Amino acid sequence: MQLSKILAEIDLEISRLERARALLAGEDSPAVKKTRRAKSVVVTADGSAKRKKKRNLSPEGRKRIAEAVRRRWELQKKAAAK
């Protein structure tokens, strides 16, 4: 997962928790903390927000990445053994 996506998800979860806390505390209008907008959202010229299309990996691409990670692990194990 990319760091920016992780941060956007954390910001979203924080805002959800703040709203839930405000509801449980009995506050009428919860204080909305302004956070960064998720990078997966694109604002168009007319001001509306649209989500970016999710990019999917092909099975071949996933296989190449898995092989590269395995090679990297092998090199790290060899380096640790020395």
PDB file of N, CA and C in Angstrom:
ATOM      1  N   MET A   1       0.837  -1.172   0.000  1.00  0.00           N
ATOM      2  CA  MET A   1       0.000   0.000   0.000  1.00  0.00           C
ATOM      3  C   MET A   1       0.881   1.234   0.000  1.00  0.00           C
ATOM      4  N   GLN A   2       0.448   2.245  -0.723  1.00  0.00           N
ATOM      5  CA  GLN A   2       1.230   3.459  -0.773  1.00  0.00           C
ATOM      6  C   GLN A   2       0.996   4.282   0.488  1.00  0.00           C
ATOM      7  N   LEU A   3       2.029   5.005   0.868  1.00  0.00           N
ATOM      8  CA  LEU A   3       1.975   5.795   2.089  1.00  0.00           C
ATOM      9  C   LEU A   3       0.849   6.817   2.036  1.00  0.00           C
ATOM     10  N   SER A   4       0.658   7.483   0.914  1.00  0.00           N
ATOM     11  CA  SER A   4      -0.392   8.497   0.814  1.00  0.00           C
ATOM     12  C   SER A   4      -1.772   7.877   0.991  1.00  0.00           C
ATOM     13  N   LYS A   5      -1.963   6.669   0.478  1.00  0.00           N
ATOM     14  CA  LYS A   5      -3.254   5.996   0.617  1.00  0.00           C
ATOM     15  C   LYS A   5      -3.494   5.612   2.076  1.00  0.00           C
ATOM     16  N   ILE A   6      -2.458   5.140   2.745  1.00  0.00           N
ATOM     17  CA  ILE A   6      -2.569   4.779   4.156  1.00  0.00           C
ATOM     18  C   ILE A   6      -2.932   6.004   4.987  1.00  0.00           C
ATOM     19  N   LEU A   7      -2.263   7.134   4.723  1.00  0.00           N
ATOM     20  CA  LEU A   7      -2.545   8.361   5.463  1.00  0.00           C
ATOM     21  C   LEU A   7      -3.968   8.842   5.221  1.00  0.00           C
ATOM     22  N   ALA A   8      -4.441   8.738   3.984  1.00  0.00           N
ATOM     23  CA  ALA A   8      -5.808   9.152   3.675  1.00  0.00           C
ATOM     24  C   ALA A   8      -6.813   8.275   4.417  1.00  0.00           C
ATOM     25  N   GLU A   9      -6.556   6.973   4.486  1.00  0.00           N
ATOM     26  CA  GLU A   9      -7.453   6.068   5.206  1.00  0.00           C
ATOM     27  C   GLU A   9      -7.447   6.355   6.700  1.00  0.00           C
ATOM     28  N   ILE A  10      -6.278   6.677   7.252  1.00  0.00           N
ATOM     29  CA  ILE A  10      -6.188   7.021   8.674  1.00  0.00           C
ATOM     30  C   ILE A  10      -6.975   8.296   8.951  1.00  0.00           C
ATOM     31  N   ASP A  11      -6.830   9.317   8.080  1.00  0.00           N
ATOM     32  CA  ASP A  11      -7.579  10.562   8.254  1.00  0.00           C
ATOM     33  C   ASP A  11      -9.081  10.308   8.210  1.00  0.00           C
ATOM     34  N   LEU A  12      -9.505   9.459   7.302  1.00  0.00           N
ATOM     35  CA  LEU A  12     -10.925   9.136   7.186  1.00  0.00           C
ATOM     36  C   LEU A  12     -11.425   8.436   8.453  1.00  0.00           C
ATOM     37  N   GLU A  13     -10.642   7.505   8.964  1.00  0.00           N
ATOM     38  CA  GLU A  13     -11.028   6.783  10.183  1.00  0.00           C
ATOM     39  C   GLU A  13     -11.068   7.721  11.381  1.00  0.00           C
ATOM     40  N   ILE A  14     -10.138   8.660  11.464  1.00  0.00           N
ATOM     41  CA  ILE A  14     -10.136   9.626  12.569  1.00  0.00           C
ATOM     42  C   ILE A  14     -11.403  10.466  12.531  1.00  0.00           C
ATOM     43  N   SER A  15     -11.794  10.921  11.351  1.00  0.00           N
ATOM     44  CA  SER A  15     -13.003  11.742  11.269  1.00  0.00           C
ATOM     45  C   SER A  15     -14.243  10.931  11.648  1.00  0.00           C
ATOM     46  N   ARG A  16     -14.282   9.652  11.258  1.00  0.00           N
ATOM     47  CA  ARG A  16     -15.399   8.784  11.650  1.00  0.00           C
ATOM     48  C   ARG A  16     -15.468   8.632  13.166  1.00  0.00           C
ATOM     49  N   LEU A  17     -14.311   8.407  13.780  1.00  0.00           N
ATOM     50  CA  LEU A  17     -14.271   8.242  15.236  1.00  0.00           C
ATOM     51  C   LEU A  17     -14.671   9.522  15.959  1.00  0.00           C
ATOM     52  N   GLU A  18     -14.261  10.676  15.434  1.00  0.00           N
ATOM     53  CA  GLU A  18     -14.636  11.942  16.061  1.00  0.00           C
ATOM     54  C   GLU A  18     -16.146  12.143  15.993  1.00  0.00           C
ATOM     55  N   ARG A  19     -16.756  11.795  14.845  1.00  0.00           N
ATOM     56  CA  ARG A  19     -18.208  11.928  14.724  1.00  0.00           C
ATOM     57  C   ARG A  19     -18.924  10.967  15.674  1.00  0.00           C
ATOM     58  N   ALA A  20     -18.419   9.729  15.778  1.00  0.00           N
ATOM     59  CA  ALA A  20     -19.029   8.750  16.672  1.00  0.00           C
ATOM     60  C   ALA A  20     -18.916   9.207  18.129  1.00  0.00           C
ATOM     61  N   ARG A  21     -17.779   9.772  18.498  1.00  0.00           N
ATOM     62  CA  ARG A  21     -17.588  10.259  19.862  1.00  0.00           C
ATOM     63  C   ARG A  21     -18.547  11.402  20.160  1.00  0.00           C
ATOM     64  N   ALA A  22     -18.704  12.305  19.184  1.00  0.00           N
ATOM     65  CA  ALA A  22     -19.604  13.435  19.385  1.00  0.00           C
ATOM     66  C   ALA A  22     -21.043  12.948  19.572  1.00  0.00           C
ATOM     67  N   LEU A  23     -21.438  11.951  18.804  1.00  0.00           N
ATOM     68  CA  LEU A  23     -22.790  11.407  18.951  1.00  0.00           C
ATOM     69  C   LEU A  23     -22.982  10.757  20.312  1.00  0.00           C
ATOM     70  N   LEU A  24     -21.987  10.004  20.766  1.00  0.00           N
ATOM     71  CA  LEU A  24     -22.085   9.340  22.064  1.00  0.00           C
ATOM     72  C   LEU A  24     -22.059  10.340  23.214  1.00  0.00           C
ATOM     73  N   ALA A  25     -21.350  11.435  23.038  1.00  0.00           N
ATOM     74  CA  ALA A  25     -21.258  12.450  24.082  1.00  0.00           C
ATOM     75  C   ALA A  25     -22.510  13.312  24.121  1.00  0.00           C
ATOM     76  N   GLY A  26     -23.366  13.200  23.101  1.00  0.00           N
ATOM     77  CA  GLY A  26     -24.608  13.944  23.086  1.00  0.00           C
ATOM     78  C   GLY A  26     -24.481  15.341  22.526  1.00  0.00           C
ATOM     79  N   GLU A  27     -23.419  15.625  21.832  1.00  0.00           N
ATOM     80  CA  GLU A  27     -23.254  16.940  21.228  1.00  0.00           C
ATOM     81  C   GLU A  27     -24.163  17.043  20.014  1.00  0.00           C
ATOM     82  N   ASP A  28     -24.813  18.204  19.877  1.00  0.00           N
ATOM     83  CA  ASP A  28     -25.719  18.390  18.749  1.00  0.00           C
ATOM     84  C   ASP A  28     -24.984  18.521  17.432  1.00  0.00           C
ATOM     85  N   SER A  29     -23.983  19.365  17.414  1.00  0.00           N
ATOM     86  CA  SER A  29     -23.241  19.552  16.165  1.00  0.00           C
ATOM     87  C   SER A  29     -21.773  19.221  16.421  1.00  0.00           C
ATOM     88  N   PRO A  30     -21.346  18.072  15.967  1.00  0.00           N
ATOM     89  CA  PRO A  30     -19.952  17.684  16.222  1.00  0.00           C
ATOM     90  C   PRO A  30     -18.980  18.617  15.513  1.00  0.00           C
ATOM     91  N   ALA A  31     -17.903  18.920  16.193  1.00  0.00           N
ATOM     92  CA  ALA A  31     -16.871  19.750  15.586  1.00  0.00           C
ATOM     93  C   ALA A  31     -16.186  18.933  14.501  1.00  0.00           C
ATOM     94  N   VAL A  32     -16.226  19.447  13.317  1.00  0.00           N
ATOM     95  CA  VAL A  32     -15.627  18.741  12.188  1.00  0.00           C
ATOM     96  C   VAL A  32     -14.222  19.268  11.998  1.00  0.00           C
ATOM     97  N   LYS A  33     -13.292  18.416  12.148  1.00  0.00           N
ATOM     98  CA  LYS A  33     -11.895  18.788  11.967  1.00  0.00           C
ATOM     99  C   LYS A  33     -11.571  18.705  10.479  1.00  0.00           C
ATOM    100  N   LYS A  34     -11.022  19.773   9.949  1.00  0.00           N
ATOM    101  CA  LYS A  34     -10.675  19.769   8.538  1.00  0.00           C
ATOM    102  C   LYS A  34      -9.383  18.987   8.358  1.00  0.00           C
ATOM    103  N   THR A  35      -9.451  17.997   7.500  1.00  0.00           N
ATOM    104  CA  THR A  35      -8.283  17.184   7.231  1.00  0.00           C
ATOM    105  C   THR A  35      -7.961  17.259   5.755  1.00  0.00           C
ATOM    106  N   ARG A  36      -6.848  16.708   5.401  1.00  0.00           N
ATOM    107  CA  ARG A  36      -6.476  16.677   3.998  1.00  0.00           C
ATOM    108  C   ARG A  36      -7.455  15.825   3.225  1.00  0.00           C
ATOM    109  N   ARG A  37      -7.714  16.225   2.018  1.00  0.00           N
ATOM    110  CA  ARG A  37      -8.598  15.450   1.163  1.00  0.00           C
ATOM    111  C   ARG A  37      -7.824  14.243   0.643  1.00  0.00           C
ATOM    112  N   ALA A  38      -8.475  13.113   0.582  1.00  0.00           N
ATOM    113  CA  ALA A  38      -7.836  11.892   0.113  1.00  0.00           C
ATOM    114  C   ALA A  38      -7.383  12.072  -1.328  1.00  0.00           C
ATOM    115  N   LYS A  39      -6.213  11.559  -1.656  1.00  0.00           N
ATOM    116  CA  LYS A  39      -5.690  11.702  -3.009  1.00  0.00           C
ATOM    117  C   LYS A  39      -6.465  10.869  -4.009  1.00  0.00           C
ATOM    118  N   SER A  40      -7.315   9.984  -3.522  1.00  0.00           N
ATOM    119  CA  SER A  40      -8.102   9.178  -4.442  1.00  0.00           C
ATOM    120  C   SER A  40      -9.329   9.947  -4.928  1.00  0.00           C
ATOM    121  N   VAL A  41      -9.493  11.181  -4.445  1.00  0.00           N
ATOM    122  CA  VAL A  41     -10.614  12.009  -4.855  1.00  0.00           C
ATOM    123  C   VAL A  41     -10.081  13.133  -5.730  1.00  0.00           C
ATOM    124  N   VAL A  42     -10.741  13.345  -6.863  1.00  0.00           N
ATOM    125  CA  VAL A  42     -10.344  14.398  -7.786  1.00  0.00           C
ATOM    126  C   VAL A  42     -11.452  15.435  -7.841  1.00  0.00           C
ATOM    127  N   VAL A  43     -11.103  16.704  -7.705  1.00  0.00           N
ATOM    128  CA  VAL A  43     -12.090  17.774  -7.803  1.00  0.00           C
ATOM    129  C   VAL A  43     -12.112  18.256  -9.242  1.00  0.00           C
ATOM    130  N   THR A  44     -13.291  18.240  -9.850  1.00  0.00           N
ATOM    131  CA  THR A  44     -13.430  18.668 -11.237  1.00  0.00           C
ATOM    132  C   THR A  44     -13.573  20.179 -11.313  1.00  0.00           C
ATOM    133  N   ALA A  45     -13.601  20.718 -12.530  1.00  0.00           N
ATOM    134  CA  ALA A  45     -13.674  22.161 -12.739  1.00  0.00           C
ATOM    135  C   ALA A  45     -14.949  22.763 -12.159  1.00  0.00           C
ATOM    136  N   ASP A  46     -16.040  22.027 -12.162  1.00  0.00           N
ATOM    137  CA  ASP A  46     -17.305  22.556 -11.634  1.00  0.00           C
ATOM    138  C   ASP A  46     -17.401  22.426 -10.113  1.00  0.00           C
ATOM    139  N   GLY A  47     -16.363  21.920  -9.468  1.00  0.00           N
ATOM    140  CA  GLY A  47     -16.315  21.851  -8.011  1.00  0.00           C
ATOM    141  C   GLY A  47     -16.784  20.538  -7.423  1.00  0.00           C
ATOM    142  N   SER A  48     -17.290  19.635  -8.255  1.00  0.00           N
ATOM    143  CA  SER A  48     -17.733  18.347  -7.721  1.00  0.00           C
ATOM    144  C   SER A  48     -16.536  17.414  -7.555  1.00  0.00           C
ATOM    145  N   ALA A  49     -16.665  16.471  -6.654  1.00  0.00           N
ATOM    146  CA  ALA A  49     -15.578  15.536  -6.377  1.00  0.00           C
ATOM    147  C   ALA A  49     -15.907  14.179  -6.987  1.00  0.00           C
ATOM    148  N   LYS A  50     -14.917  13.601  -7.630  1.00  0.00           N
ATOM    149  CA  LYS A  50     -15.082  12.269  -8.203  1.00  0.00           C
ATOM    150  C   LYS A  50     -13.922  11.405  -7.743  1.00  0.00           C
ATOM    151  N   ARG A  51     -14.198  10.120  -7.555  1.00  0.00           N
ATOM    152  CA  ARG A  51     -13.139   9.185  -7.161  1.00  0.00           C
ATOM    153  C   ARG A  51     -12.347   8.761  -8.384  1.00  0.00           C
ATOM    154  N   LYS A  52     -11.055   8.573  -8.175  1.00  0.00           N
ATOM    155  CA  LYS A  52     -10.211   8.044  -9.246  1.00  0.00           C
ATOM    156  C   LYS A  52     -10.530   6.573  -9.435  1.00  0.00           C
ATOM    157  N   LYS A  53     -10.357   6.099 -10.649  1.00  0.00           N
ATOM    158  CA  LYS A  53     -10.563   4.675 -10.897  1.00  0.00           C
ATOM    159  C   LYS A  53      -9.470   3.882 -10.204  1.00  0.00           C
ATOM    160  N   LYS A  54      -9.837   2.757  -9.649  1.00  0.00           N
ATOM    161  CA  LYS A  54      -8.878   1.887  -8.991  1.00  0.00           C
ATOM    162  C   LYS A  54      -8.074   1.161 -10.055  1.00  0.00           C
ATOM    163  N   ARG A  55      -6.788   1.140  -9.884  1.00  0.00           N
ATOM    164  CA  ARG A  55      -5.921   0.465 -10.838  1.00  0.00           C
ATOM    165  C   ARG A  55      -5.671  -0.957 -10.361  1.00  0.00           C
ATOM    166  N   ASN A  56      -5.862  -1.915 -11.258  1.00  0.00           N
ATOM    167  CA  ASN A  56      -5.689  -3.312 -10.905  1.00  0.00           C
ATOM    168  C   ASN A  56      -4.435  -3.868 -11.561  1.00  0.00           C
ATOM    169  N   LEU A  57      -3.784  -4.766 -10.856  1.00  0.00           N
ATOM    170  CA  LEU A  57      -2.611  -5.442 -11.396  1.00  0.00           C
ATOM    171  C   LEU A  57      -3.048  -6.657 -12.201  1.00  0.00           C
ATOM    172  N   SER A  58      -2.339  -6.882 -13.272  1.00  0.00           N
ATOM    173  CA  SER A  58      -2.593  -8.102 -14.031  1.00  0.00           C
ATOM    174  C   SER A  58      -1.936  -9.262 -13.282  1.00  0.00           C
ATOM    175  N   PRO A  59      -2.359 -10.481 -13.553  1.00  0.00           N
ATOM    176  CA  PRO A  59      -1.718 -11.628 -12.896  1.00  0.00           C
ATOM    177  C   PRO A  59      -0.223 -11.694 -13.198  1.00  0.00           C
ATOM    178  N   GLU A  60       0.172 -11.304 -14.405  1.00  0.00           N
ATOM    179  CA  GLU A  60       1.596 -11.322 -14.752  1.00  0.00           C
ATOM    180  C   GLU A  60       2.364 -10.289 -13.933  1.00  0.00           C
ATOM    181  N   GLY A  61       1.784  -9.109 -13.778  1.00  0.00           N
ATOM    182  CA  GLY A  61       2.429  -8.068 -12.987  1.00  0.00           C
ATOM    183  C   GLY A  61       2.556  -8.473 -11.533  1.00  0.00           C
ATOM    184  N   ARG A  62       1.514  -9.088 -11.000  1.00  0.00           N
ATOM    185  CA  ARG A  62       1.535  -9.562  -9.613  1.00  0.00           C
ATOM    186  C   ARG A  62       2.619 -10.621  -9.436  1.00  0.00           C
ATOM    187  N   LYS A  63       2.779 -11.490 -10.434  1.00  0.00           N
ATOM    188  CA  LYS A  63       3.793 -12.544 -10.376  1.00  0.00           C
ATOM    189  C   LYS A  63       5.193 -11.941 -10.401  1.00  0.00           C
ATOM    190  N   ARG A  64       5.407 -10.930 -11.262  1.00  0.00           N
ATOM    191  CA  ARG A  64       6.718 -10.271 -11.330  1.00  0.00           C
ATOM    192  C   ARG A  64       7.072  -9.625  -9.996  1.00  0.00           C
ATOM    193  N   ILE A  65       6.113  -8.971  -9.386  1.00  0.00           N
ATOM    194  CA  ILE A  65       6.363  -8.322  -8.097  1.00  0.00           C
ATOM    195  C   ILE A  65       6.672  -9.360  -7.023  1.00  0.00           C
ATOM    196  N   ALA A  66       5.927 -10.467  -7.009  1.00  0.00           N
ATOM    197  CA  ALA A  66       6.163 -11.521  -6.021  1.00  0.00           C
ATOM    198  C   ALA A  66       7.563 -12.107  -6.178  1.00  0.00           C
ATOM    199  N   GLU A  67       7.977 -12.323  -7.423  1.00  0.00           N
ATOM    200  CA  GLU A  67       9.325 -12.865  -7.647  1.00  0.00           C
ATOM    201  C   GLU A  67      10.389 -11.882  -7.200  1.00  0.00           C
ATOM    202  N   ALA A  68      10.188 -10.599  -7.470  1.00  0.00           N
ATOM    203  CA  ALA A  68      11.152  -9.587  -7.051  1.00  0.00           C
ATOM    204  C   ALA A  68      11.259  -9.527  -5.531  1.00  0.00           C
ATOM    205  N   VAL A  69      10.133  -9.646  -4.840  1.00  0.00           N
ATOM    206  CA  VAL A  69      10.140  -9.619  -3.378  1.00  0.00           C
ATOM    207  C   VAL A  69      10.863 -10.847  -2.832  1.00  0.00           C
ATOM    208  N   ARG A  70      10.619 -11.998  -3.452  1.00  0.00           N
ATOM    209  CA  ARG A  70      11.319 -13.220  -3.003  1.00  0.00           C
ATOM    210  C   ARG A  70      12.831 -13.086  -3.176  1.00  0.00           C
ATOM    211  N   ARG A  71      13.254 -12.536  -4.321  1.00  0.00           N
ATOM    212  CA  ARG A  71      14.700 -12.318  -4.541  1.00  0.00           C
ATOM    213  C   ARG A  71      15.260 -11.374  -3.483  1.00  0.00           C
ATOM    214  N   ARG A  72      14.509 -10.335  -3.178  1.00  0.00           N
ATOM    215  CA  ARG A  72      14.958  -9.372  -2.172  1.00  0.00           C
ATOM    216  C   ARG A  72      15.098 -10.042  -0.817  1.00  0.00           C
ATOM    217  N   TRP A  73      14.125 -10.877  -0.447  1.00  0.00           N
ATOM    218  CA  TRP A  73      14.204 -11.599   0.822  1.00  0.00           C
ATOM    219  C   TRP A  73      15.412 -12.518   0.863  1.00  0.00           C
ATOM    220  N   GLU A  74      15.679 -13.204  -0.259  1.00  0.00           N
ATOM    221  CA  GLU A  74      16.841 -14.094  -0.330  1.00  0.00           C
ATOM    222  C   GLU A  74      18.122 -13.319  -0.087  1.00  0.00           C
ATOM    223  N   LEU A  75      18.252 -12.159  -0.727  1.00  0.00           N
ATOM    224  CA  LEU A  75      19.462 -11.332  -0.548  1.00  0.00           C
ATOM    225  C   LEU A  75      19.582 -10.850   0.898  1.00  0.00           C
ATOM    226  N   GLN A  76      18.460 -10.510   1.512  1.00  0.00           N
ATOM    227  CA  GLN A  76      18.509 -10.062   2.910  1.00  0.00           C
ATOM    228  C   GLN A  76      18.902 -11.213   3.832  1.00  0.00           C
ATOM    229  N   LYS A  77      18.414 -12.413   3.562  1.00  0.00           N
ATOM    230  CA  LYS A  77      18.781 -13.566   4.387  1.00  0.00           C
ATOM    231  C   LYS A  77      20.254 -13.887   4.245  1.00  0.00           C
ATOM    232  N   LYS A  78      20.771 -13.819   3.005  1.00  0.00           N
ATOM    233  CA  LYS A  78      22.198 -14.082   2.777  1.00  0.00           C
ATOM    234  C   LYS A  78      23.045 -13.051   3.491  1.00  0.00           C
ATOM    235  N   ALA A  79      22.626 -11.774   3.439  1.00  0.00           N
ATOM    236  CA  ALA A  79      23.382 -10.723   4.086  1.00  0.00           C
ATOM    237  C   ALA A  79      23.344 -10.876   5.608  1.00  0.00           C
ATOM    238  N   ALA A  80      22.217 -11.326   6.156  1.00  0.00           N
ATOM    239  CA  ALA A  80      22.100 -11.505   7.593  1.00  0.00           C
ATOM    240  C   ALA A  80      22.907 -12.700   8.084  1.00  0.00           C
ATOM    241  N   ALA A  81      23.074 -13.702   7.217  1.00  0.00           N
ATOM    242  CA  ALA A  81      23.808 -14.908   7.590  1.00  0.00           C
ATOM    243  C   ALA A  81      25.312 -14.658   7.663  1.00  0.00           C
ATOM    244  N   LYS A  82      25.777 -13.644   6.987  1.00  0.00           N
ATOM    245  CA  LYS A  82      27.231 -13.378   6.962  1.00  0.00           C
ATOM    246  C   LYS A  82      27.730 -12.771   8.227  1.00  0.00           C
TER     247      LYS A  82
END
